[in-house]
Amino acid sequence: MENRRSGPRHVIAFPVRVNWKDENGQDLMEEGLTENVGPNGALIFLPRLLPDVGSKVKLTVTENPKDEISVSAEVLRLERNAAHPQAALQVTKSIKVWKEKVWSYAGSLLDKEEPEVFDDW
């Protein structure tokens, strides 16, 4: 299978809120967590509702409640695993804001982490 990723990913869990309209025009909202963050999108875990593939969504990263970051995105694919449903999103508007305030921020947080110490059995 071809890897269509457009850059590296940071494995990090940021709280998110996703808003979209269903096929009947009803406003829907689901909160979840990022699984990983890339320079142009994210893979997110949404515990109850998933938007349809191709849906336009508003993705809000709520990591910092005083400075929430909202971007427009499109659903590229879904993982309909009942235990861990996920949606892959590609940012379609405000990509520069996403790269600066989400992707770069995730990288800086991960750079500050200490390596895990493994116990010697």
PDB file of N, CA and C in Angstrom:
ATOM      1  N   MET A   1       0.841  -1.186   0.000  1.00  0.00           N
ATOM      2  CA  MET A   1       0.000   0.000   0.000  1.00  0.00           C
ATOM      3  C   MET A   1       0.880   1.242   0.000  1.00  0.00           C
ATOM      4  N   GLU A   2       0.518   2.228  -0.773  1.00  0.00           N
ATOM      5  CA  GLU A   2       1.281   3.461  -0.906  1.00  0.00           C
ATOM      6  C   GLU A   2       1.123   4.318   0.332  1.00  0.00           C
ATOM      7  N   ASN A   3       2.234   4.875   0.825  1.00  0.00           N
ATOM      8  CA  ASN A   3       2.196   5.799   1.949  1.00  0.00           C
ATOM      9  C   ASN A   3       1.966   7.201   1.408  1.00  0.00           C
ATOM     10  N   ARG A   4       0.821   7.793   1.737  1.00  0.00           N
ATOM     11  CA  ARG A   4       0.453   9.093   1.202  1.00  0.00           C
ATOM     12  C   ARG A   4       0.732  10.226   2.184  1.00  0.00           C
ATOM     13  N   ARG A   5       1.437   9.948   3.258  1.00  0.00           N
ATOM     14  CA  ARG A   5       1.734  10.981   4.237  1.00  0.00           C
ATOM     15  C   ARG A   5       2.591  12.069   3.605  1.00  0.00           C
ATOM     16  N   SER A   6       2.335  13.305   4.039  1.00  0.00           N
ATOM     17  CA  SER A   6       3.077  14.428   3.468  1.00  0.00           C
ATOM     18  C   SER A   6       4.153  14.934   4.417  1.00  0.00           C
ATOM     19  N   GLY A   7       4.530  14.151   5.387  1.00  0.00           N
ATOM     20  CA  GLY A   7       5.586  14.575   6.297  1.00  0.00           C
ATOM     21  C   GLY A   7       5.623  13.708   7.533  1.00  0.00           C
ATOM     22  N   PRO A   8       6.561  14.019   8.403  1.00  0.00           N
ATOM     23  CA  PRO A   8       6.693  13.238   9.642  1.00  0.00           C
ATOM     24  C   PRO A   8       5.509  13.445  10.573  1.00  0.00           C
ATOM     25  N   ARG A   9       5.356  12.545  11.516  1.00  0.00           N
ATOM     26  CA  ARG A   9       4.276  12.619  12.496  1.00  0.00           C
ATOM     27  C   ARG A   9       4.872  12.693  13.906  1.00  0.00           C
ATOM     28  N   HIS A  10       4.183  13.438  14.762  1.00  0.00           N
ATOM     29  CA  HIS A  10       4.513  13.477  16.182  1.00  0.00           C
ATOM     30  C   HIS A  10       3.429  12.689  16.908  1.00  0.00           C
ATOM     31  N   VAL A  11       3.805  11.651  17.616  1.00  0.00           N
ATOM     32  CA  VAL A  11       2.844  10.858  18.377  1.00  0.00           C
ATOM     33  C   VAL A  11       2.583  11.597  19.681  1.00  0.00           C
ATOM     34  N   ILE A  12       1.408  12.222  19.762  1.00  0.00           N
ATOM     35  CA  ILE A  12       1.070  13.052  20.917  1.00  0.00           C
ATOM     36  C   ILE A  12      -0.451  13.128  21.052  1.00  0.00           C
ATOM     37  N   ALA A  13      -0.925  13.190  22.280  1.00  0.00           N
ATOM     38  CA  ALA A  13      -2.375  13.242  22.543  1.00  0.00           C
ATOM     39  C   ALA A  13      -2.774  14.643  22.982  1.00  0.00           C
ATOM     40  N   PHE A  14      -3.369  15.392  22.053  1.00  0.00           N
ATOM     41  CA  PHE A  14      -3.956  16.693  22.366  1.00  0.00           C
ATOM     42  C   PHE A  14      -5.467  16.520  22.387  1.00  0.00           C
ATOM     43  N   PRO A  15      -6.161  17.138  23.350  1.00  0.00           N
ATOM     44  CA  PRO A  15      -7.627  17.097  23.311  1.00  0.00           C
ATOM     45  C   PRO A  15      -8.139  17.925  22.127  1.00  0.00           C
ATOM     46  N   VAL A  16      -9.162  17.388  21.455  1.00  0.00           N
ATOM     47  CA  VAL A  16      -9.733  18.068  20.291  1.00  0.00           C
ATOM     48  C   VAL A  16     -11.262  18.036  20.346  1.00  0.00           C
ATOM     49  N   ARG A  17     -11.835  18.947  19.569  1.00  0.00           N
ATOM     50  CA  ARG A  17     -13.286  18.976  19.353  1.00  0.00           C
ATOM     51  C   ARG A  17     -13.484  19.058  17.840  1.00  0.00           C
ATOM     52  N   VAL A  18     -14.382  18.232  17.320  1.00  0.00           N
ATOM     53  CA  VAL A  18     -14.658  18.210  15.882  1.00  0.00           C
ATOM     54  C   VAL A  18     -16.136  18.532  15.675  1.00  0.00           C
ATOM     55  N   ASN A  19     -16.405  19.516  14.815  1.00  0.00           N
ATOM     56  CA  ASN A  19     -17.775  19.904  14.474  1.00  0.00           C
ATOM     57  C   ASN A  19     -17.997  19.659  12.989  1.00  0.00           C
ATOM     58  N   TRP A  20     -19.185  19.135  12.639  1.00  0.00           N
ATOM     59  CA  TRP A  20     -19.540  18.906  11.240  1.00  0.00           C
ATOM     60  C   TRP A  20     -21.046  18.774  11.122  1.00  0.00           C
ATOM     61  N   LYS A  21     -21.530  18.746   9.891  1.00  0.00           N
ATOM     62  CA  LYS A  21     -22.950  18.525   9.609  1.00  0.00           C
ATOM     63  C   LYS A  21     -23.110  17.131   9.028  1.00  0.00           C
ATOM     64  N   ASP A  22     -24.135  16.417   9.475  1.00  0.00           N
ATOM     65  CA  ASP A  22     -24.393  15.095   8.913  1.00  0.00           C
ATOM     66  C   ASP A  22     -25.137  15.236   7.586  1.00  0.00           C
ATOM     67  N   GLU A  23     -25.508  14.103   6.986  1.00  0.00           N
ATOM     68  CA  GLU A  23     -26.170  14.133   5.677  1.00  0.00           C
ATOM     69  C   GLU A  23     -27.522  14.832   5.687  1.00  0.00           C
ATOM     70  N   ASN A  24     -28.127  15.006   6.881  1.00  0.00           N
ATOM     71  CA  ASN A  24     -29.403  15.715   7.007  1.00  0.00           C
ATOM     72  C   ASN A  24     -29.221  17.181   7.363  1.00  0.00           C
ATOM     73  N   GLY A  25     -27.962  17.637   7.455  1.00  0.00           N
ATOM     74  CA  GLY A  25     -27.685  19.028   7.801  1.00  0.00           C
ATOM     75  C   GLY A  25     -27.676  19.303   9.297  1.00  0.00           C
ATOM     76  N   GLN A  26     -27.774  18.258  10.104  1.00  0.00           N
ATOM     77  CA  GLN A  26     -27.767  18.429  11.561  1.00  0.00           C
ATOM     78  C   GLN A  26     -26.341  18.669  12.044  1.00  0.00           C
ATOM     79  N   ASP A  27     -26.178  19.673  12.922  1.00  0.00           N
ATOM     80  CA  ASP A  27     -24.872  19.963  13.500  1.00  0.00           C
ATOM     81  C   ASP A  27     -24.491  18.877  14.494  1.00  0.00           C
ATOM     82  N   LEU A  28     -23.273  18.343  14.342  1.00  0.00           N
ATOM     83  CA  LEU A  28     -22.762  17.311  15.243  1.00  0.00           C
ATOM     84  C   LEU A  28     -21.442  17.769  15.823  1.00  0.00           C
ATOM     85  N   MET A  29     -21.134  17.297  17.037  1.00  0.00           N
ATOM     86  CA  MET A  29     -19.887  17.625  17.690  1.00  0.00           C
ATOM     87  C   MET A  29     -19.417  16.406  18.467  1.00  0.00           C
ATOM     88  N   GLU A  30     -18.134  16.151  18.406  1.00  0.00           N
ATOM     89  CA  GLU A  30     -17.540  15.038  19.142  1.00  0.00           C
ATOM     90  C   GLU A  30     -16.196  15.511  19.682  1.00  0.00           C
ATOM     91  N   GLU A  31     -15.884  15.099  20.906  1.00  0.00           N
ATOM     92  CA  GLU A  31     -14.590  15.408  21.493  1.00  0.00           C
ATOM     93  C   GLU A  31     -13.740  14.152  21.524  1.00  0.00           C
ATOM     94  N   GLY A  32     -12.436  14.321  21.366  1.00  0.00           N
ATOM     95  CA  GLY A  32     -11.535  13.179  21.355  1.00  0.00           C
ATOM     96  C   GLY A  32     -10.109  13.606  21.611  1.00  0.00           C
ATOM     97  N   LEU A  33      -9.176  12.807  21.090  1.00  0.00           N
ATOM     98  CA  LEU A  33      -7.742  13.054  21.270  1.00  0.00           C
ATOM     99  C   LEU A  33      -7.007  12.800  19.967  1.00  0.00           C
ATOM    100  N   THR A  34      -5.939  13.559  19.753  1.00  0.00           N
ATOM    101  CA  THR A  34      -5.090  13.242  18.613  1.00  0.00           C
ATOM    102  C   THR A  34      -4.306  11.974  18.931  1.00  0.00           C
ATOM    103  N   GLU A  35      -4.082  11.163  17.928  1.00  0.00           N
ATOM    104  CA  GLU A  35      -3.210   9.995  18.041  1.00  0.00           C
ATOM    105  C   GLU A  35      -1.814  10.399  17.586  1.00  0.00           C
ATOM    106  N   ASN A  36      -1.787  11.133  16.476  1.00  0.00           N
ATOM    107  CA  ASN A  36      -0.548  11.719  15.990  1.00  0.00           C
ATOM    108  C   ASN A  36      -0.887  12.978  15.220  1.00  0.00           C
ATOM    109  N   VAL A  37       0.113  13.845  15.115  1.00  0.00           N
ATOM    110  CA  VAL A  37      -0.058  15.147  14.467  1.00  0.00           C
ATOM    111  C   VAL A  37       1.013  15.285  13.395  1.00  0.00           C
ATOM    112  N   GLY A  38       0.601  15.654  12.200  1.00  0.00           N
ATOM    113  CA  GLY A  38       1.528  15.893  11.104  1.00  0.00           C
ATOM    114  C   GLY A  38       1.479  17.350  10.688  1.00  0.00           C
ATOM    115  N   PRO A  39       2.329  17.742   9.743  1.00  0.00           N
ATOM    116  CA  PRO A  39       2.361  19.142   9.317  1.00  0.00           C
ATOM    117  C   PRO A  39       1.106  19.582   8.567  1.00  0.00           C
ATOM    118  N   ASN A  40       0.312  18.620   8.079  1.00  0.00           N
ATOM    119  CA  ASN A  40      -0.892  18.968   7.315  1.00  0.00           C
ATOM    120  C   ASN A  40      -2.157  18.288   7.818  1.00  0.00           C
ATOM    121  N   GLY A  41      -2.097  17.670   9.006  1.00  0.00           N
ATOM    122  CA  GLY A  41      -3.289  16.996   9.500  1.00  0.00           C
ATOM    123  C   GLY A  41      -3.010  16.176  10.737  1.00  0.00           C
ATOM    124  N   ALA A  42      -3.962  15.307  11.056  1.00  0.00           N
ATOM    125  CA  ALA A  42      -3.848  14.500  12.272  1.00  0.00           C
ATOM    126  C   ALA A  42      -4.698  13.246  12.153  1.00  0.00           C
ATOM    127  N   LEU A  43      -4.305  12.252  12.928  1.00  0.00           N
ATOM    128  CA  LEU A  43      -5.137  11.075  13.145  1.00  0.00           C
ATOM    129  C   LEU A  43      -5.734  11.272  14.523  1.00  0.00           C
ATOM    130  N   ILE A  44      -7.069  11.212  14.615  1.00  0.00           N
ATOM    131  CA  ILE A  44      -7.724  11.487  15.895  1.00  0.00           C
ATOM    132  C   ILE A  44      -8.614  10.320  16.310  1.00  0.00           C
ATOM    133  N   PHE A  45      -8.705  10.138  17.602  1.00  0.00           N
ATOM    134  CA  PHE A  45      -9.593   9.150  18.220  1.00  0.00           C
ATOM    135  C   PHE A  45     -10.863   9.883  18.626  1.00  0.00           C
ATOM    136  N   LEU A  46     -11.996   9.407  18.126  1.00  0.00           N
ATOM    137  CA  LEU A  46     -13.309   9.948  18.483  1.00  0.00           C
ATOM    138  C   LEU A  46     -14.136   8.795  19.034  1.00  0.00           C
ATOM    139  N   PRO A  47     -14.465   8.800  20.336  1.00  0.00           N
ATOM    140  CA  PRO A  47     -15.043   7.616  20.973  1.00  0.00           C
ATOM    141  C   PRO A  47     -16.458   7.213  20.540  1.00  0.00           C
ATOM    142  N   ARG A  48     -17.278   8.163  20.058  1.00  0.00           N
ATOM    143  CA  ARG A  48     -18.671   7.802  19.769  1.00  0.00           C
ATOM    144  C   ARG A  48     -19.082   8.014  18.316  1.00  0.00           C
ATOM    145  N   LEU A  49     -18.883   9.204  17.808  1.00  0.00           N
ATOM    146  CA  LEU A  49     -19.347   9.534  16.455  1.00  0.00           C
ATOM    147  C   LEU A  49     -18.162   9.785  15.529  1.00  0.00           C
ATOM    148  N   LEU A  50     -18.293   9.325  14.292  1.00  0.00           N
ATOM    149  CA  LEU A  50     -17.295   9.602  13.268  1.00  0.00           C
ATOM    150  C   LEU A  50     -17.977  10.317  12.104  1.00  0.00           C
ATOM    151  N   PRO A  51     -17.360  11.394  11.593  1.00  0.00           N
ATOM    152  CA  PRO A  51     -17.901  12.004  10.376  1.00  0.00           C
ATOM    153  C   PRO A  51     -17.625  11.085   9.193  1.00  0.00           C
ATOM    154  N   ASP A  52     -18.368  11.256   8.113  1.00  0.00           N
ATOM    155  CA  ASP A  52     -18.173  10.439   6.917  1.00  0.00           C
ATOM    156  C   ASP A  52     -16.901  10.848   6.185  1.00  0.00           C
ATOM    157  N   VAL A  53     -16.324   9.902   5.444  1.00  0.00           N
ATOM    158  CA  VAL A  53     -15.179  10.209   4.600  1.00  0.00           C
ATOM    159  C   VAL A  53     -15.596  11.284   3.603  1.00  0.00           C
ATOM    160  N   GLY A  54     -14.752  12.280   3.420  1.00  0.00           N
ATOM    161  CA  GLY A  54     -15.045  13.390   2.523  1.00  0.00           C
ATOM    162  C   GLY A  54     -15.724  14.556   3.204  1.00  0.00           C
ATOM    163  N   SER A  55     -16.166  14.375   4.434  1.00  0.00           N
ATOM    164  CA  SER A  55     -16.828  15.450   5.169  1.00  0.00           C
ATOM    165  C   SER A  55     -15.874  16.594   5.450  1.00  0.00           C
ATOM    166  N   LYS A  56     -16.423  17.796   5.416  1.00  0.00           N
ATOM    167  CA  LYS A  56     -15.689  18.989   5.836  1.00  0.00           C
ATOM    168  C   LYS A  56     -15.984  19.184   7.320  1.00  0.00           C
ATOM    169  N   VAL A  57     -14.933  19.362   8.115  1.00  0.00           N
ATOM    170  CA  VAL A  57     -15.102  19.498   9.558  1.00  0.00           C
ATOM    171  C   VAL A  57     -14.340  20.712  10.059  1.00  0.00           C
ATOM    172  N   LYS A  58     -14.736  21.172  11.229  1.00  0.00           N
ATOM    173  CA  LYS A  58     -13.973  22.186  11.957  1.00  0.00           C
ATOM    174  C   LYS A  58     -13.254  21.439  13.072  1.00  0.00           C
ATOM    175  N   LEU A  59     -11.930  21.471  13.058  1.00  0.00           N
ATOM    176  CA  LEU A  59     -11.108  20.793  14.047  1.00  0.00           C
ATOM    177  C   LEU A  59     -10.536  21.841  14.994  1.00  0.00           C
ATOM    178  N   THR A  60     -10.834  21.687  16.279  1.00  0.00           N
ATOM    179  CA  THR A  60     -10.341  22.619  17.288  1.00  0.00           C
ATOM    180  C   THR A  60      -9.468  21.868  18.274  1.00  0.00           C
ATOM    181  N   VAL A  61      -8.231  22.319  18.412  1.00  0.00           N
ATOM    182  CA  VAL A  61      -7.324  21.748  19.402  1.00  0.00           C
ATOM    183  C   VAL A  61      -7.522  22.548  20.683  1.00  0.00           C
ATOM    184  N   THR A  62      -7.947  21.842  21.741  1.00  0.00           N
ATOM    185  CA  THR A  62      -8.319  22.504  22.996  1.00  0.00           C
ATOM    186  C   THR A  62      -7.260  22.315  24.079  1.00  0.00           C
ATOM    187  N   GLU A  63      -6.021  22.035  23.684  1.00  0.00           N
ATOM    188  CA  GLU A  63      -4.917  21.831  24.623  1.00  0.00           C
ATOM    189  C   GLU A  63      -4.758  23.031  25.561  1.00  0.00           C
ATOM    190  N   ASN A  64      -4.842  24.227  25.006  1.00  0.00           N
ATOM    191  CA  ASN A  64      -4.735  25.448  25.794  1.00  0.00           C
ATOM    192  C   ASN A  64      -6.070  26.187  25.695  1.00  0.00           C
ATOM    193  N   PRO A  65      -6.934  26.086  26.724  1.00  0.00           N
ATOM    194  CA  PRO A  65      -8.269  26.695  26.644  1.00  0.00           C
ATOM    195  C   PRO A  65      -8.258  28.199  26.370  1.00  0.00           C
ATOM    196  N   LYS A  66      -7.181  28.889  26.731  1.00  0.00           N
ATOM    197  CA  LYS A  66      -7.088  30.335  26.488  1.00  0.00           C
ATOM    198  C   LYS A  66      -6.662  30.653  25.060  1.00  0.00           C
ATOM    199  N   ASP A  67      -6.177  29.641  24.334  1.00  0.00           N
ATOM    200  CA  ASP A  67      -5.702  29.839  22.968  1.00  0.00           C
ATOM    201  C   ASP A  67      -6.038  28.613  22.121  1.00  0.00           C
ATOM    202  N   GLU A  68      -7.340  28.332  21.979  1.00  0.00           N
ATOM    203  CA  GLU A  68      -7.750  27.193  21.160  1.00  0.00           C
ATOM    204  C   GLU A  68      -7.440  27.477  19.695  1.00  0.00           C
ATOM    205  N   ILE A  69      -7.015  26.451  18.990  1.00  0.00           N
ATOM    206  CA  ILE A  69      -6.662  26.565  17.579  1.00  0.00           C
ATOM    207  C   ILE A  69      -7.723  25.836  16.761  1.00  0.00           C
ATOM    208  N   SER A  70      -8.392  26.558  15.847  1.00  0.00           N
ATOM    209  CA  SER A  70      -9.414  25.958  14.985  1.00  0.00           C
ATOM    210  C   SER A  70      -8.995  26.058  13.531  1.00  0.00           C
ATOM    211  N   VAL A  71      -9.172  24.951  12.809  1.00  0.00           N
ATOM    212  CA  VAL A  71      -8.859  24.904  11.382  1.00  0.00           C
ATOM    213  C   VAL A  71      -9.962  24.132  10.661  1.00  0.00           C
ATOM    214  N   SER A  72     -10.050  24.355   9.369  1.00  0.00           N
ATOM    215  CA  SER A  72     -10.948  23.555   8.530  1.00  0.00           C
ATOM    216  C   SER A  72     -10.174  22.339   8.056  1.00  0.00           C
ATOM    217  N   ALA A  73     -10.866  21.199   7.993  1.00  0.00           N
ATOM    218  CA  ALA A  73     -10.209  19.962   7.574  1.00  0.00           C
ATOM    219  C   ALA A  73     -11.197  19.094   6.814  1.00  0.00           C
ATOM    220  N   GLU A  74     -10.654  18.084   6.150  1.00  0.00           N
ATOM    221  CA  GLU A  74     -11.462  17.109   5.427  1.00  0.00           C
ATOM    222  C   GLU A  74     -11.104  15.716   5.934  1.00  0.00           C
ATOM    223  N   VAL A  75     -12.124  14.868   6.043  1.00  0.00           N
ATOM    224  CA  VAL A  75     -11.908  13.500   6.498  1.00  0.00           C
ATOM    225  C   VAL A  75     -11.388  12.671   5.322  1.00  0.00           C
ATOM    226  N   LEU A  76     -10.163  12.134   5.473  1.00  0.00           N
ATOM    227  CA  LEU A  76      -9.555  11.331   4.410  1.00  0.00           C
ATOM    228  C   LEU A  76      -9.913   9.858   4.506  1.00  0.00           C
ATOM    229  N   ARG A  77      -9.915   9.334   5.732  1.00  0.00           N
ATOM    230  CA  ARG A  77     -10.243   7.919   5.931  1.00  0.00           C
ATOM    231  C   ARG A  77     -10.685   7.701   7.366  1.00  0.00           C
ATOM    232  N   LEU A  78     -11.326   6.564   7.591  1.00  0.00           N
ATOM    233  CA  LEU A  78     -11.815   6.198   8.921  1.00  0.00           C
ATOM    234  C   LEU A  78     -11.299   4.819   9.296  1.00  0.00           C
ATOM    235  N   GLU A  79     -11.108   4.618  10.574  1.00  0.00           N
ATOM    236  CA  GLU A  79     -10.839   3.296  11.142  1.00  0.00           C
ATOM    237  C   GLU A  79     -12.037   3.012  12.047  1.00  0.00           C
ATOM    238  N   ARG A  80     -12.910   2.128  11.625  1.00  0.00           N
ATOM    239  CA  ARG A  80     -14.147   1.870  12.362  1.00  0.00           C
ATOM    240  C   ARG A  80     -13.989   0.737  13.368  1.00  0.00           C
ATOM    241  N   ASN A  81     -12.881   0.700  14.057  1.00  0.00           N
ATOM    242  CA  ASN A  81     -12.640  -0.269  15.119  1.00  0.00           C
ATOM    243  C   ASN A  81     -13.550   0.102  16.291  1.00  0.00           C
ATOM    244  N   ALA A  82     -14.429  -0.797  16.698  1.00  0.00           N
ATOM    245  CA  ALA A  82     -15.405  -0.495  17.751  1.00  0.00           C
ATOM    246  C   ALA A  82     -14.735  -0.084  19.053  1.00  0.00           C
ATOM    247  N   ALA A  83     -13.573  -0.619  19.336  1.00  0.00           N
ATOM    248  CA  ALA A  83     -12.871  -0.288  20.576  1.00  0.00           C
ATOM    249  C   ALA A  83     -12.078   1.013  20.470  1.00  0.00           C
ATOM    250  N   HIS A  84     -11.721   1.416  19.251  1.00  0.00           N
ATOM    251  CA  HIS A  84     -10.870   2.600  19.091  1.00  0.00           C
ATOM    252  C   HIS A  84     -11.094   3.256  17.724  1.00  0.00           C
ATOM    253  N   PRO A  85     -12.276   3.887  17.514  1.00  0.00           N
ATOM    254  CA  PRO A  85     -12.562   4.512  16.218  1.00  0.00           C
ATOM    255  C   PRO A  85     -11.697   5.751  15.982  1.00  0.00           C
ATOM    256  N   GLN A  86     -11.198   5.875  14.745  1.00  0.00           N
ATOM    257  CA  GLN A  86     -10.302   6.969  14.408  1.00  0.00           C
ATOM    258  C   GLN A  86     -10.690   7.598  13.080  1.00  0.00           C
ATOM    259  N   ALA A  87     -10.315   8.869  12.936  1.00  0.00           N
ATOM    260  CA  ALA A  87     -10.499   9.580  11.674  1.00  0.00           C
ATOM    261  C   ALA A  87      -9.186  10.257  11.299  1.00  0.00           C
ATOM    262  N   ALA A  88      -8.782  10.106  10.049  1.00  0.00           N
ATOM    263  CA  ALA A  88      -7.606  10.802   9.528  1.00  0.00           C
ATOM    264  C   ALA A  88      -8.094  12.086   8.867  1.00  0.00           C
ATOM    265  N   LEU A  89      -7.566  13.222   9.321  1.00  0.00           N
ATOM    266  CA  LEU A  89      -8.006  14.523   8.830  1.00  0.00           C
ATOM    267  C   LEU A  89      -6.860  15.252   8.147  1.00  0.00           C
ATOM    268  N   GLN A  90      -7.191  15.927   7.050  1.00  0.00           N
ATOM    269  CA  GLN A  90      -6.221  16.778   6.367  1.00  0.00           C
ATOM    270  C   GLN A  90      -6.696  18.218   6.497  1.00  0.00           C
ATOM    271  N   VAL A  91      -5.823  19.091   6.990  1.00  0.00           N
ATOM    272  CA  VAL A  91      -6.152  20.500   7.143  1.00  0.00           C
ATOM    273  C   VAL A  91      -6.281  21.120   5.759  1.00  0.00           C
ATOM    274  N   THR A  92      -7.376  21.877   5.537  1.00  0.00           N
ATOM    275  CA  THR A  92      -7.620  22.489   4.236  1.00  0.00           C
ATOM    276  C   THR A  92      -7.514  24.008   4.272  1.00  0.00           C
ATOM    277  N   LYS A  93      -7.690  24.602   5.445  1.00  0.00           N
ATOM    278  CA  LYS A  93      -7.555  26.062   5.613  1.00  0.00           C
ATOM    279  C   LYS A  93      -6.807  26.319   6.908  1.00  0.00           C
ATOM    280  N   SER A  94      -6.041  27.396   6.918  1.00  0.00           N
ATOM    281  CA  SER A  94      -5.227  27.791   8.074  1.00  0.00           C
ATOM    282  C   SER A  94      -4.085  26.803   8.314  1.00  0.00           C
ATOM    283  N   ILE A  95      -3.500  26.307   7.221  1.00  0.00           N
ATOM    284  CA  ILE A  95      -2.399  25.348   7.332  1.00  0.00           C
ATOM    285  C   ILE A  95      -1.204  25.974   8.044  1.00  0.00           C
ATOM    286  N   LYS A  96      -0.917  27.241   7.768  1.00  0.00           N
ATOM    287  CA  LYS A  96       0.221  27.908   8.407  1.00  0.00           C
ATOM    288  C   LYS A  96       0.014  27.969   9.923  1.00  0.00           C
ATOM    289  N   VAL A  97      -1.186  28.292  10.360  1.00  0.00           N
ATOM    290  CA  VAL A  97      -1.503  28.334  11.791  1.00  0.00           C
ATOM    291  C   VAL A  97      -1.344  26.940  12.400  1.00  0.00           C
ATOM    292  N   TRP A  98      -1.833  25.912  11.695  1.00  0.00           N
ATOM    293  CA  TRP A  98      -1.710  24.529  12.168  1.00  0.00           C
ATOM    294  C   TRP A  98      -0.238  24.156  12.357  1.00  0.00           C
ATOM    295  N   LYS A  99       0.582  24.445  11.348  1.00  0.00           N
ATOM    296  CA  LYS A  99       1.993  24.081  11.424  1.00  0.00           C
ATOM    297  C   LYS A  99       2.695  24.785  12.581  1.00  0.00           C
ATOM    298  N   GLU A 100       2.391  26.057  12.773  1.00  0.00           N
ATOM    299  CA  GLU A 100       3.060  26.829  13.819  1.00  0.00           C
ATOM    300  C   GLU A 100       2.560  26.499  15.214  1.00  0.00           C
ATOM    301  N   LYS A 101       1.246  26.418  15.366  1.00  0.00           N
ATOM    302  CA  LYS A 101       0.676  26.329  16.716  1.00  0.00           C
ATOM    303  C   LYS A 101       0.341  24.917  17.175  1.00  0.00           C
ATOM    304  N   VAL A 102       0.326  23.962  16.262  1.00  0.00           N
ATOM    305  CA  VAL A 102       0.015  22.587  16.664  1.00  0.00           C
ATOM    306  C   VAL A 102       1.207  21.677  16.371  1.00  0.00           C
ATOM    307  N   TRP A 103       1.583  21.567  15.089  1.00  0.00           N
ATOM    308  CA  TRP A 103       2.646  20.633  14.725  1.00  0.00           C
ATOM    309  C   TRP A 103       3.988  21.018  15.351  1.00  0.00           C
ATOM    310  N   SER A 104       4.399  22.268  15.216  1.00  0.00           N
ATOM    311  CA  SER A 104       5.678  22.706  15.803  1.00  0.00           C
ATOM    312  C   SER A 104       5.635  22.643  17.320  1.00  0.00           C
ATOM    313  N   TYR A 105       4.500  23.002  17.895  1.00  0.00           N
ATOM    314  CA  TYR A 105       4.343  22.934  19.356  1.00  0.00           C
ATOM    315  C   TYR A 105       4.477  21.489  19.844  1.00  0.00           C
ATOM    316  N   ALA A 106       3.860  20.559  19.137  1.00  0.00           N
ATOM    317  CA  ALA A 106       3.969  19.138  19.501  1.00  0.00           C
ATOM    318  C   ALA A 106       5.431  18.696  19.459  1.00  0.00           C
ATOM    319  N   GLY A 107       6.147  19.097  18.426  1.00  0.00           N
ATOM    320  CA  GLY A 107       7.551  18.747  18.308  1.00  0.00           C
ATOM    321  C   GLY A 107       8.376  19.305  19.452  1.00  0.00           C
ATOM    322  N   SER A 108       8.097  20.549  19.842  1.00  0.00           N
ATOM    323  CA  SER A 108       8.860  21.148  20.939  1.00  0.00           C
ATOM    324  C   SER A 108       8.570  20.447  22.262  1.00  0.00           C
ATOM    325  N   LEU A 109       7.321  20.024  22.480  1.00  0.00           N
ATOM    326  CA  LEU A 109       6.990  19.282  23.698  1.00  0.00           C
ATOM    327  C   LEU A 109       7.709  17.945  23.736  1.00  0.00           C
ATOM    328  N   LEU A 110       7.731  17.251  22.606  1.00  0.00           N
ATOM    329  CA  LEU A 110       8.379  15.946  22.544  1.00  0.00           C
ATOM    330  C   LEU A 110       9.896  16.065  22.688  1.00  0.00           C
ATOM    331  N   ASP A 111      10.485  17.153  22.172  1.00  0.00           N
ATOM    332  CA  ASP A 111      11.927  17.363  22.310  1.00  0.00           C
ATOM    333  C   ASP A 111      12.342  17.522  23.768  1.00  0.00           C
ATOM    334  N   LYS A 112      11.443  18.038  24.602  1.00  0.00           N
ATOM    335  CA  LYS A 112      11.738  18.282  26.015  1.00  0.00           C
ATOM    336  C   LYS A 112      11.606  17.031  26.876  1.00  0.00           C
ATOM    337  N   GLU A 113      10.972  15.988  26.330  1.00  0.00           N
ATOM    338  CA  GLU A 113      10.765  14.769  27.111  1.00  0.00           C
ATOM    339  C   GLU A 113      12.071  14.027  27.333  1.00  0.00           C
ATOM    340  N   GLU A 114      12.189  13.449  28.506  1.00  0.00           N
ATOM    341  CA  GLU A 114      13.336  12.609  28.831  1.00  0.00           C
ATOM    342  C   GLU A 114      13.083  11.212  28.274  1.00  0.00           C
ATOM    343  N   PRO A 115      14.136  10.546  27.813  1.00  0.00           N
ATOM    344  CA  PRO A 115      13.944   9.165  27.332  1.00  0.00           C
ATOM    345  C   PRO A 115      13.480   8.261  28.470  1.00  0.00           C
ATOM    346  N   GLU A 116      12.690   7.266  28.107  1.00  0.00           N
ATOM    347  CA  GLU A 116      12.177   6.311  29.092  1.00  0.00           C
ATOM    348  C   GLU A 116      13.316   5.436  29.608  1.00  0.00           C
ATOM    349  N   VAL A 117      13.338   5.249  30.913  1.00  0.00           N
ATOM    350  CA  VAL A 117      14.347   4.379  31.507  1.00  0.00           C
ATOM    351  C   VAL A 117      13.755   2.982  31.601  1.00  0.00           C
ATOM    352  N   PHE A 118      14.446   2.021  31.023  1.00  0.00           N
ATOM    353  CA  PHE A 118      13.955   0.651  31.030  1.00  0.00           C
ATOM    354  C   PHE A 118      14.588  -0.106  32.195  1.00  0.00           C
ATOM    355  N   ASP A 119      13.754  -0.838  32.897  1.00  0.00           N
ATOM    356  CA  ASP A 119      14.255  -1.680  33.987  1.00  0.00           C
ATOM    357  C   ASP A 119      15.002  -2.865  33.413  1.00  0.00           C
ATOM    358  N   ASP A 120      16.087  -3.210  34.090  1.00  0.00           N
ATOM    359  CA  ASP A 120      16.836  -4.398  33.702  1.00  0.00           C
ATOM    360  C   ASP A 120      16.270  -5.593  34.454  1.00  0.00           C
ATOM    361  N   TRP A 121      15.763  -6.553  33.758  1.00  0.00           N
ATOM    362  CA  TRP A 121      15.147  -7.701  34.417  1.00  0.00           C
ATOM    363  C   TRP A 121      16.216  -8.623  34.755  1.00  0.00           C
TER     364      TRP A 121
END
